[in-house]
C-alpha atoms as a PDB file:
ATOM      1  CA  ALA A   1       9.800  -0.825  24.016  1.00  0.00           C
ATOM      2  CA  ALA A   2      13.191  -2.354  22.803  1.00  0.00           C
ATOM      3  CA  MET A   3      14.073   0.745  21.132  1.00  0.00           C
ATOM      4  CA  ARG A   4      13.413   3.008  23.717  1.00  0.00           C
ATOM      5  CA  ALA A   5      15.441   0.905  25.706  1.00  0.00           C
ATOM      6  CA  HIS A   6      18.694   0.939  23.632  1.00  0.00           C
ATOM      7  CA  PRO A   7      18.817   4.429  21.776  1.00  0.00           C
ATOM      8  CA  GLN A   8      22.449   3.862  21.442  1.00  0.00           C
ATOM      9  CA  SER A   9      22.232   0.296  19.206  1.00  0.00           C
ATOM     10  CA  ALA A  10      22.117   0.354  15.676  1.00  0.00           C
ATOM     11  CA  SER A  11      21.501  -3.097  15.834  1.00  0.00           C
ATOM     12  CA  VAL A  12      18.384  -3.104  17.792  1.00  0.00           C
ATOM     13  CA  GLN A  13      17.112  -0.134  16.313  1.00  0.00           C
ATOM     14  CA  TRP A  14      17.909  -1.650  12.750  1.00  0.00           C
ATOM     15  CA  SER A  15      16.199  -5.150  14.110  1.00  0.00           C
ATOM     16  CA  GLY A  16      13.439  -3.482  15.443  1.00  0.00           C
ATOM     17  CA  GLY A  17      12.455  -1.245  12.482  1.00  0.00           C
ATOM     18  CA  SER A  18      12.664  -4.258  10.582  1.00  0.00           C
ATOM     19  CA  ALA A  19      10.234  -6.100  13.009  1.00  0.00           C
ATOM     20  CA  LEU A  20       7.827  -2.886  12.472  1.00  0.00           C
ATOM     21  CA  ALA A  21       7.511  -3.382   8.961  1.00  0.00           C
ATOM     22  CA  ASN A  22       6.662  -7.108   9.048  1.00  0.00           C
ATOM     23  CA  LEU A  23       3.854  -6.814  11.694  1.00  0.00           C
ATOM     24  CA  CYS A  24       2.634  -3.992   9.872  1.00  0.00           C
ATOM     25  CA  GLY A  25       3.121  -5.137   6.297  1.00  0.00           C
ATOM     26  CA  ASP A  26      -0.136  -6.601   5.862  1.00  0.00           C
ATOM     27  CA  PHE A  27      -1.890  -3.845   3.750  1.00  0.00           C
ATOM     28  CA  GLU A  28      -5.479  -5.465   3.762  1.00  0.00           C
ATOM     29  CA  ALA A  29      -5.898  -6.291   7.405  1.00  0.00           C
ATOM     30  CA  GLY A  30      -3.157  -4.098   9.144  1.00  0.00           C
ATOM     31  CA  ALA A  31      -5.203  -1.063  10.137  1.00  0.00           C
ATOM     32  CA  PRO A  32      -5.998  -2.610  13.745  1.00  0.00           C
ATOM     33  CA  ARG A  33      -2.007  -3.252  13.758  1.00  0.00           C
ATOM     34  CA  GLU A  34      -1.233   0.411  12.643  1.00  0.00           C
ATOM     35  CA  GLN A  35      -3.246   1.971  15.133  1.00  0.00           C
ATOM     36  CA  ARG A  36      -1.647  -0.495  17.752  1.00  0.00           C
ATOM     37  CA  ALA A  37       1.737   0.556  16.841  1.00  0.00           C
ATOM     38  CA  ALA A  38       1.080   4.272  16.833  1.00  0.00           C
ATOM     39  CA  GLY A  39      -0.134   4.045  20.105  1.00  0.00           C
ATOM     40  CA  ALA A  40       2.758   2.483  21.237  1.00  0.00           C
ATOM     41  CA  GLY A  41       4.785   4.871  20.146  1.00  0.00           C
ATOM     42  CA  ALA A  42       6.480   3.135  17.179  1.00  0.00           C
ATOM     43  CA  PHE A  43       6.854   6.765  15.123  1.00  0.00           C
ATOM     44  CA  GLU A  44       8.366   8.350  17.727  1.00  0.00           C
ATOM     45  CA  ALA A  45      10.697   5.383  18.026  1.00  0.00           C
ATOM     46  CA  VAL A  46      11.389   4.670  15.056  1.00  0.00           C
ATOM     47  CA  VAL A  47      12.160   8.215  13.957  1.00  0.00           C
ATOM     48  CA  ALA A  48      14.309   8.592  17.163  1.00  0.00           C
ATOM     49  CA  GLY A  49      16.475   5.786  15.952  1.00  0.00           C
ATOM     50  CA  MET A  50      16.899   7.172  12.588  1.00  0.00           C
ATOM     51  CA  ARG A  51      17.928  10.809  13.912  1.00  0.00           C
ATOM     52  CA  THR A  52      20.505   8.536  16.471  1.00  0.00           C
ATOM     53  CA  HIS A  53      21.688   6.515  13.468  1.00  0.00           C
ATOM     54  CA  PRO A  54      21.860   8.972  10.406  1.00  0.00           C
ATOM     55  CA  GLN A  55      25.133   7.047   8.889  1.00  0.00           C
ATOM     56  CA  HIS A  56      23.718   3.761   9.560  1.00  0.00           C
ATOM     57  CA  ALA A  57      22.516   2.770   5.687  1.00  0.00           C
ATOM     58  CA  GLY A  58      20.691  -0.254   7.567  1.00  0.00           C
ATOM     59  CA  VAL A  59      19.070   1.883  10.252  1.00  0.00           C
ATOM     60  CA  GLN A  60      17.939   4.484   7.702  1.00  0.00           C
ATOM     61  CA  GLU A  61      16.582   1.429   5.206  1.00  0.00           C
ATOM     62  CA  ALA A  62      14.348  -0.412   8.025  1.00  0.00           C
ATOM     63  CA  GLY A  63      13.448   2.916   9.408  1.00  0.00           C
ATOM     64  CA  CYS A  64      11.409   4.295   6.315  1.00  0.00           C
ATOM     65  CA  GLU A  65       9.923   0.343   5.671  1.00  0.00           C
ATOM     66  CA  ALA A  66       8.430   0.476   8.704  1.00  0.00           C
ATOM     67  CA  LEU A  67       6.861   4.293   8.082  1.00  0.00           C
ATOM     68  CA  ALA A  68       5.477   3.410   5.138  1.00  0.00           C
ATOM     69  CA  ASN A  69       3.782   0.263   6.443  1.00  0.00           C
ATOM     70  CA  MET A  70       2.740   1.927   9.178  1.00  0.00           C
ATOM     71  CA  CYS A  71       0.929   4.542   6.942  1.00  0.00           C
ATOM     72  CA  SER A  72      -0.142   2.221   4.404  1.00  0.00           C
ATOM     73  CA  GLY A  73      -3.658   2.279   5.011  1.00  0.00           C
ATOM     74  CA  ASP A  74      -6.188   4.625   3.077  1.00  0.00           C
ATOM     75  CA  ASP A  75      -8.887   4.217   5.871  1.00  0.00           C
ATOM     76  CA  ALA A  76      -9.480   6.879   8.807  1.00  0.00           C
ATOM     77  CA  VAL A  77      -6.826   5.121  10.842  1.00  0.00           C
ATOM     78  CA  GLY A  78      -4.130   5.319   8.203  1.00  0.00           C
ATOM     79  CA  ALA A  79      -5.091   9.069   7.777  1.00  0.00           C
ATOM     80  CA  ALA A  80      -4.646   9.607  11.926  1.00  0.00           C
ATOM     81  CA  CYS A  81      -1.400   7.124  11.165  1.00  0.00           C
ATOM     82  CA  GLU A  82      -0.152   9.481   8.678  1.00  0.00           C
ATOM     83  CA  GLN A  83      -0.907  12.606  10.969  1.00  0.00           C
ATOM     84  CA  ARG A  84       1.191  10.834  13.944  1.00  0.00           C
ATOM     85  CA  ALA A  85       3.797  10.530  11.399  1.00  0.00           C
ATOM     86  CA  VAL A  86       4.303  13.611  10.429  1.00  0.00           C
ATOM     87  CA  ARG A  87       4.200  15.699  13.952  1.00  0.00           C
ATOM     88  CA  SER A  88       6.761  12.865  14.654  1.00  0.00           C
ATOM     89  CA  GLY A  89       9.143  14.208  12.108  1.00  0.00           C
ATOM     90  CA  ALA A  90       9.154  11.270   9.988  1.00  0.00           C
ATOM     91  CA  ILE A  91       8.717  13.387   6.753  1.00  0.00           C
ATOM     92  CA  GLU A  92      12.338  15.236   7.542  1.00  0.00           C
ATOM     93  CA  ALA A  93      13.676  11.809   8.905  1.00  0.00           C
ATOM     94  CA  ALA A  94      12.807   9.921   5.436  1.00  0.00           C
ATOM     95  CA  VAL A  95      14.375  13.054   2.946  1.00  0.00           C
ATOM     96  CA  ALA A  96      17.523  13.046   5.197  1.00  0.00           C
ATOM     97  CA  ALA A  97      17.784   9.284   4.938  1.00  0.00           C
ATOM     98  CA  MET A  98      17.479   9.585   1.022  1.00  0.00           C
ATOM     99  CA  CYS A  99      19.935  12.305   0.708  1.00  0.00           C
ATOM    100  CA  ALA A 100      22.237  10.708   3.159  1.00  0.00           C
ATOM    101  CA  HIS A 101      22.338   7.450   1.599  1.00  0.00           C
ATOM    102  CA  LEU A 102      21.934   7.839  -2.731  1.00  0.00           C
ATOM    103  CA  GLN A 103      23.596   4.737  -3.899  1.00  0.00           C
ATOM    104  CA  GLU A 104      21.783   2.675  -1.255  1.00  0.00           C
ATOM    105  CA  GLU A 105      18.930   1.505  -2.963  1.00  0.00           C
ATOM    106  CA  GLY A 106      16.698   0.211  -0.170  1.00  0.00           C
ATOM    107  CA  VAL A 107      16.826   3.159   1.450  1.00  0.00           C
ATOM    108  CA  GLN A 108      15.836   5.190  -1.905  1.00  0.00           C
ATOM    109  CA  GLU A 109      13.019   2.472  -2.710  1.00  0.00           C
ATOM    110  CA  TRP A 110      11.831   2.730   0.689  1.00  0.00           C
ATOM    111  CA  GLY A 111      12.011   6.332   1.494  1.00  0.00           C
ATOM    112  CA  CYS A 112      10.044   7.192  -1.992  1.00  0.00           C
ATOM    113  CA  THR A 113       7.951   4.966  -0.592  1.00  0.00           C
ATOM    114  CA  ALA A 114       7.324   6.205   2.471  1.00  0.00           C
ATOM    115  CA  LEU A 115       6.892   9.664   1.265  1.00  0.00           C
ATOM    116  CA  THR A 116       4.262   8.302  -0.785  1.00  0.00           C
ATOM    117  CA  GLU A 117       2.208   6.850   1.742  1.00  0.00           C
ATOM    118  CA  MET A 118       2.804   9.855   4.109  1.00  0.00           C
ATOM    119  CA  CYS A 119       1.618  12.067   1.760  1.00  0.00           C
ATOM    120  CA  SER A 120      -1.513  10.739   0.360  1.00  0.00           C
ATOM    121  CA  GLY A 121      -5.150  11.532   0.984  1.00  0.00           C
ATOM    122  CA  SER A 122      -7.037  14.491  -0.449  1.00  0.00           C
ATOM    123  CA  ASP A 123      -8.228  16.546   2.698  1.00  0.00           C
ATOM    124  CA  ASP A 124      -6.720  19.946   3.985  1.00  0.00           C
ATOM    125  CA  ALA A 125      -4.689  17.376   6.090  1.00  0.00           C
ATOM    126  CA  ALA A 126      -2.882  16.076   3.004  1.00  0.00           C
ATOM    127  CA  ALA A 127      -2.194  19.132   1.239  1.00  0.00           C
ATOM    128  CA  ALA A 128      -0.485  20.145   4.522  1.00  0.00           C
ATOM    129  CA  ARG A 129       1.454  16.961   4.648  1.00  0.00           C
ATOM    130  CA  GLU A 130       2.289  17.200   0.758  1.00  0.00           C
ATOM    131  CA  GLU A 131       3.486  20.770   1.546  1.00  0.00           C
ATOM    132  CA  ARG A 132       5.562  19.602   4.167  1.00  0.00           C
ATOM    133  CA  ALA A 133       7.003  17.697   2.658  1.00  0.00           C
ATOM    134  CA  ALA A 134       7.921  20.066  -0.378  1.00  0.00           C
ATOM    135  CA  ASP A 135       9.695  22.140   2.332  1.00  0.00           C
ATOM    136  CA  ALA A 136      11.712  19.064   3.293  1.00  0.00           C
ATOM    137  CA  GLY A 137      12.908  18.740   0.005  1.00  0.00           C
ATOM    138  CA  ALA A 138      11.065  15.862  -0.903  1.00  0.00           C
ATOM    139  CA  LEU A 139      10.575  16.458  -4.356  1.00  0.00           C
ATOM    140  CA  GLU A 140      14.616  16.816  -5.142  1.00  0.00           C
ATOM    141  CA  ALA A 141      15.322  13.968  -2.959  1.00  0.00           C
ATOM    142  CA  VAL A 142      12.797  11.674  -4.964  1.00  0.00           C
ATOM    143  CA  VAL A 143      14.430  13.202  -8.338  1.00  0.00           C
ATOM    144  CA  ALA A 144      17.973  12.113  -7.144  1.00  0.00           C
ATOM    145  CA  ALA A 145      17.041   9.073  -6.223  1.00  0.00           C
ATOM    146  CA  MET A 146      15.396   7.991  -9.607  1.00  0.00           C
ATOM    147  CA  ARG A 147      18.420   9.190 -11.545  1.00  0.00           C
ATOM    148  CA  ALA A 148      20.645   7.511  -9.223  1.00  0.00           C
ATOM    149  CA  HIS A 149      18.961   4.154  -9.614  1.00  0.00           C
ATOM    150  CA  PRO A 150      17.908   3.997 -13.105  1.00  0.00           C
ATOM    151  CA  GLN A 151      18.518   0.107 -13.680  1.00  0.00           C
ATOM    152  CA  SER A 152      15.910  -0.237 -10.750  1.00  0.00           C
ATOM    153  CA  ALA A 153      12.266  -0.931 -11.281  1.00  0.00           C
ATOM    154  CA  SER A 154      11.417  -0.657  -7.786  1.00  0.00           C
ATOM    155  CA  VAL A 155      13.033   3.333  -7.122  1.00  0.00           C
ATOM    156  CA  GLN A 156      11.622   4.358 -10.606  1.00  0.00           C
ATOM    157  CA  TRP A 157       7.803   2.484  -9.221  1.00  0.00           C
ATOM    158  CA  SER A 158       8.071   4.207  -5.995  1.00  0.00           C
ATOM    159  CA  GLY A 159       9.828   7.360  -7.031  1.00  0.00           C
ATOM    160  CA  GLY A 160       6.909   8.364  -9.831  1.00  0.00           C
ATOM    161  CA  SER A 161       4.318   7.470  -6.874  1.00  0.00           C
ATOM    162  CA  ALA A 162       6.000   9.812  -4.629  1.00  0.00           C
ATOM    163  CA  LEU A 163       6.069  12.529  -7.310  1.00  0.00           C
ATOM    164  CA  ALA A 164       2.003  11.766  -7.995  1.00  0.00           C
ATOM    165  CA  ASN A 165       1.394  12.492  -4.526  1.00  0.00           C
ATOM    166  CA  LEU A 166       3.576  15.260  -3.704  1.00  0.00           C
ATOM    167  CA  CYS A 167       2.066  17.029  -6.661  1.00  0.00           C
ATOM    168  CA  GLY A 168      -1.123  15.720  -6.070  1.00  0.00           C
ATOM    169  CA  ASP A 169      -2.977  19.117  -4.434  1.00  0.00           C
ATOM    170  CA  PHE A 170      -4.843  20.505  -8.120  1.00  0.00           C
ATOM    171  CA  GLU A 171      -5.952  23.375  -5.908  1.00  0.00           C
ATOM    172  CA  ALA A 172      -2.516  24.329  -4.447  1.00  0.00           C
ATOM    173  CA  GLY A 173      -0.165  22.209  -6.378  1.00  0.00           C
ATOM    174  CA  ALA A 174       1.630  24.835  -8.752  1.00  0.00           C
ATOM    175  CA  PRO A 175       4.404  25.855  -6.445  1.00  0.00           C
ATOM    176  CA  ARG A 176       5.184  22.039  -6.129  1.00  0.00           C
ATOM    177  CA  GLU A 177       4.706  21.029  -9.874  1.00  0.00           C
ATOM    178  CA  GLN A 178       7.240  24.035 -10.736  1.00  0.00           C
ATOM    179  CA  ARG A 179       9.335  23.020  -7.940  1.00  0.00           C
ATOM    180  CA  ALA A 180       9.118  19.319  -9.403  1.00  0.00           C
ATOM    181  CA  ALA A 181       9.841  20.365 -12.868  1.00  0.00           C
ATOM    182  CA  GLY A 182      12.542  22.733 -12.094  1.00  0.00           C
ATOM    183  CA  ALA A 183      14.571  19.643 -10.461  1.00  0.00           C
ATOM    184  CA  GLY A 184      14.215  17.481 -13.482  1.00  0.00           C
ATOM    185  CA  ALA A 185      11.312  15.182 -12.852  1.00  0.00           C
ATOM    186  CA  PHE A 186       9.762  15.568 -16.269  1.00  0.00           C
ATOM    187  CA  GLU A 187      12.844  13.755 -17.471  1.00  0.00           C
ATOM    188  CA  ALA A 188      13.303  11.330 -14.385  1.00  0.00           C
ATOM    189  CA  VAL A 189       9.919  10.124 -14.770  1.00  0.00           C
ATOM    190  CA  VAL A 190       9.884   9.771 -18.686  1.00  0.00           C
ATOM    191  CA  ALA A 191      13.507   8.381 -18.399  1.00  0.00           C
ATOM    192  CA  GLY A 192      12.180   5.485 -16.087  1.00  0.00           C
ATOM    193  CA  MET A 193       9.664   4.590 -18.164  1.00  0.00           C
ATOM    194  CA  ARG A 194      11.543   4.102 -21.052  1.00  0.00           C
ATOM    195  CA  THR A 195      14.022   2.039 -19.199  1.00  0.00           C
ATOM    196  CA  HIS A 196      11.449  -0.368 -17.737  1.00  0.00           C
ATOM    197  CA  PRO A 197       8.309  -0.745 -20.220  1.00  0.00           C
ATOM    198  CA  GLN A 198       7.067  -4.069 -19.939  1.00  0.00           C
ATOM    199  CA  HIS A 199       6.554  -2.909 -15.584  1.00  0.00           C
ATOM    200  CA  ALA A 200       3.244  -1.585 -15.550  1.00  0.00           C
ATOM    201  CA  GLY A 201       3.501  -0.628 -11.839  1.00  0.00           C
ATOM    202  CA  VAL A 202       6.527   1.793 -13.305  1.00  0.00           C
ATOM    203  CA  GLN A 203       4.102   2.782 -16.268  1.00  0.00           C
ATOM    204  CA  GLU A 204       1.176   3.809 -14.364  1.00  0.00           C
ATOM    205  CA  ALA A 205       3.318   5.335 -11.553  1.00  0.00           C
ATOM    206  CA  GLY A 206       4.781   7.548 -14.293  1.00  0.00           C
ATOM    207  CA  CYS A 207       1.699   8.647 -16.173  1.00  0.00           C
ATOM    208  CA  GLU A 208       0.284   9.705 -12.656  1.00  0.00           C
ATOM    209  CA  ALA A 209       2.764  11.890 -12.006  1.00  0.00           C
ATOM    210  CA  LEU A 210       2.948  13.163 -15.214  1.00  0.00           C
ATOM    211  CA  ALA A 211      -1.225  13.905 -15.437  1.00  0.00           C
ATOM    212  CA  ASN A 212      -0.577  15.746 -11.489  1.00  0.00           C
ATOM    213  CA  MET A 213       2.176  17.313 -12.614  1.00  0.00           C
ATOM    214  CA  CYS A 214       0.679  19.076 -15.235  1.00  0.00           C
ATOM    215  CA  SER A 215      -2.720  19.538 -13.939  1.00  0.00           C
ATOM    216  CA  GLY A 216      -2.591  23.301 -13.584  1.00  0.00           C
ATOM    217  CA  ASP A 217      -4.530  25.855 -15.784  1.00  0.00           C
ATOM    218  CA  ASP A 218      -2.171  28.795 -15.010  1.00  0.00           C
ATOM    219  CA  ALA A 219       0.813  29.897 -16.505  1.00  0.00           C
ATOM    220  CA  VAL A 220       3.059  27.675 -14.255  1.00  0.00           C
ATOM    221  CA  GLY A 221       1.058  24.687 -15.333  1.00  0.00           C
ATOM    222  CA  ALA A 222       1.102  25.482 -19.111  1.00  0.00           C
ATOM    223  CA  ALA A 223       4.912  25.760 -18.734  1.00  0.00           C
ATOM    224  CA  CYS A 224       5.357  22.443 -16.776  1.00  0.00           C
ATOM    225  CA  GLU A 225       2.924  20.999 -20.156  1.00  0.00           C
ATOM    226  CA  GLN A 226       5.526  22.208 -22.343  1.00  0.00           C
ATOM    227  CA  ARG A 227       8.338  21.126 -20.387  1.00  0.00           C
ATOM    228  CA  ALA A 228       7.070  17.435 -20.141  1.00  0.00           C
ATOM    229  CA  VAL A 229       6.610  17.264 -24.332  1.00  0.00           C
ATOM    230  CA  ARG A 230       9.934  18.552 -24.323  1.00  0.00           C
ATOM    231  CA  SER A 231      10.839  15.643 -22.254  1.00  0.00           C
ATOM    232  CA  GLY A 232       8.562  13.045 -24.853  1.00  0.00           C
ATOM    233  CA  ALA A 233       6.181  12.507 -22.292  1.00  0.00           C
ATOM    234  CA  ILE A 234       3.445  12.450 -24.551  1.00  0.00           C
ATOM    235  CA  GLU A 235       4.996   9.500 -26.332  1.00  0.00           C
ATOM    236  CA  ALA A 236       5.787   8.049 -23.237  1.00  0.00           C
ATOM    237  CA  ALA A 237       2.232   7.919 -21.897  1.00  0.00           C
ATOM    238  CA  VAL A 238       1.207   6.812 -25.460  1.00  0.00           C
ATOM    239  CA  ALA A 239       3.872   3.600 -25.295  1.00  0.00           C
ATOM    240  CA  ALA A 240       2.639   2.648 -21.830  1.00  0.00           C
ATOM    241  CA  MET A 241      -0.832   2.502 -22.757  1.00  0.00           C
ATOM    242  CA  CYS A 242      -0.212   0.460 -26.090  1.00  0.00           C
ATOM    243  CA  ALA A 243       2.295  -2.224 -24.199  1.00  0.00           C
ATOM    244  CA  HIS A 244      -0.609  -2.491 -21.216  1.00  0.00           C
ATOM    245  CA  LEU A 245      -3.741  -2.529 -22.995  1.00  0.00           C
ATOM    246  CA  GLN A 246      -5.131  -4.618 -20.375  1.00  0.00           C
ATOM    247  CA  GLU A 247      -3.957  -2.920 -16.853  1.00  0.00           C
ATOM    248  CA  GLU A 248      -6.915  -0.375 -15.807  1.00  0.00           C
ATOM    249  CA  GLY A 249      -4.465   2.045 -14.208  1.00  0.00           C
ATOM    250  CA  VAL A 250      -2.304   2.491 -17.057  1.00  0.00           C
ATOM    251  CA  GLN A 251      -5.216   2.966 -19.207  1.00  0.00           C
ATOM    252  CA  GLU A 252      -6.547   5.759 -16.868  1.00  0.00           C
ATOM    253  CA  TRP A 253      -3.411   7.574 -16.003  1.00  0.00           C
ATOM    254  CA  GLY A 254      -2.420   7.182 -19.348  1.00  0.00           C
ATOM    255  CA  CYS A 255      -5.488   8.965 -20.772  1.00  0.00           C
ATOM    256  CA  THR A 256      -5.737  11.265 -17.992  1.00  0.00           C
ATOM    257  CA  ALA A 257      -1.696  12.366 -18.695  1.00  0.00           C
ATOM    258  CA  LEU A 258      -2.676  13.211 -22.200  1.00  0.00           C
ATOM    259  CA  THR A 259      -6.039  14.884 -21.128  1.00  0.00           C
ATOM    260  CA  GLU A 260      -3.485  17.525 -18.820  1.00  0.00           C
ATOM    261  CA  MET A 261      -0.466  17.967 -21.499  1.00  0.00           C
ATOM    262  CA  CYS A 262      -2.973  18.641 -24.034  1.00  0.00           C
ATOM    263  CA  SER A 263      -5.336  21.466 -22.253  1.00  0.00           C
ATOM    264  CA  GLY A 264      -5.523  25.021 -23.367  1.00  0.00           C
ATOM    265  CA  SER A 265      -5.957  27.175 -26.258  1.00  0.00           C
ATOM    266  CA  ASP A 266      -3.211  28.601 -27.089  1.00  0.00           C
ATOM    267  CA  ASP A 267      -0.941  28.045 -30.354  1.00  0.00           C
ATOM    268  CA  ALA A 268       1.830  25.833 -28.004  1.00  0.00           C
ATOM    269  CA  ALA A 269      -1.330  23.795 -26.582  1.00  0.00           C
ATOM    270  CA  ALA A 270      -2.918  23.336 -30.447  1.00  0.00           C
ATOM    271  CA  ALA A 271       0.773  22.201 -31.113  1.00  0.00           C
ATOM    272  CA  ARG A 272       0.809  19.881 -28.371  1.00  0.00           C
ATOM    273  CA  GLU A 273      -2.507  18.300 -29.651  1.00  0.00           C
ATOM    274  CA  GLU A 274      -1.064  17.838 -32.584  1.00  0.00           C
ATOM    275  CA  ARG A 275       2.532  16.037 -31.612  1.00  0.00           C
ATOM    276  CA  ALA A 276      -0.383  14.098 -29.138  1.00  0.00           C
ATOM    277  CA  ALA A 277      -2.127  12.544 -32.710  1.00  0.00           C
ATOM    278  CA  ASP A 278       1.037  12.294 -34.494  1.00  0.00           C
ATOM    279  CA  ALA A 279       2.091   9.698 -31.409  1.00  0.00           C
ATOM    280  CA  GLY A 280      -0.949   7.500 -31.981  1.00  0.00           C
ATOM    281  CA  ALA A 281      -3.049   9.241 -28.657  1.00  0.00           C
ATOM    282  CA  LEU A 282      -6.196   9.146 -30.464  1.00  0.00           C
ATOM    283  CA  GLU A 283      -5.697   5.495 -31.597  1.00  0.00           C
ATOM    284  CA  ALA A 284      -4.206   4.822 -27.902  1.00  0.00           C
ATOM    285  CA  VAL A 285      -7.652   6.570 -26.040  1.00  0.00           C
ATOM    286  CA  VAL A 286     -10.172   4.707 -28.396  1.00  0.00           C
ATOM    287  CA  ALA A 287      -8.529   1.506 -27.742  1.00  0.00           C
ATOM    288  CA  ALA A 288      -8.340   1.630 -23.742  1.00  0.00           C
ATOM    289  CA  MET A 289     -11.854   2.827 -24.168  1.00  0.00           C
ATOM    290  CA  ARG A 290     -13.050  -0.167 -26.031  1.00  0.00           C
ATOM    291  CA  ALA A 291     -10.544  -2.475 -23.188  1.00  0.00           C
ATOM    292  CA  HIS A 292     -12.406  -1.381 -20.366  1.00  0.00           C
ATOM    293  CA  PRO A 293     -15.575  -0.676 -20.856  1.00  0.00           C
END
């Protein structure tokens, strides 16, 4: 009600978005609250505030954080919230915030996180959300965020997670994989992994992003695999696995990334397999399987 009653007040929109973010910030027990917030019109209120105050970094960061937290559930309530968020224009609002405030670390972190949450899932509705996000320029915005904030582990983590979800539709993802590659996503992910080698979240998200961006089995997929290798992705995945042996997620996605990057049966694929072996991939995979029986 406060945000609706005072649409021109940046202070109310900022504090209102922050309040919604915290009220829906309990990811384990937040589903009833997310549902209640959605029913009260929270998504529409947040997006309206972001549109009214596009140059106010505080409103944009708080809005993105609220959108992320209100879409954080991975159950039916979470999926319904993600759909309502998209209908309200939340994807476009998050991308616009990131584009307008590239140097604001908080806006970039929470913008990436909001895109991650809104594009989660594996059903047709999730695929449609991913497509809408790509059409809105989300892939380019995420890569720009990662490039602009190389020393921020939070931005690298949330950016890798966003790329992983945006390219997570294996049946229809080829155009998105190609677009991500063209935006420099492989290079951005590998750079982040190299800069933050001891951060398990950055490493897991990076490996997941690499795996999903290389998941196609057509000409686009092969081109992405080649670009990934040129960026040093094989070595980055092996390094992640060696540095975080006890982290199950890093091991799972590291193995998956190696699987995708080394797929194929032509000479280029054989060269990728050889490069992976030279990087210690065989030993890293065996160590993963032994560490997580």
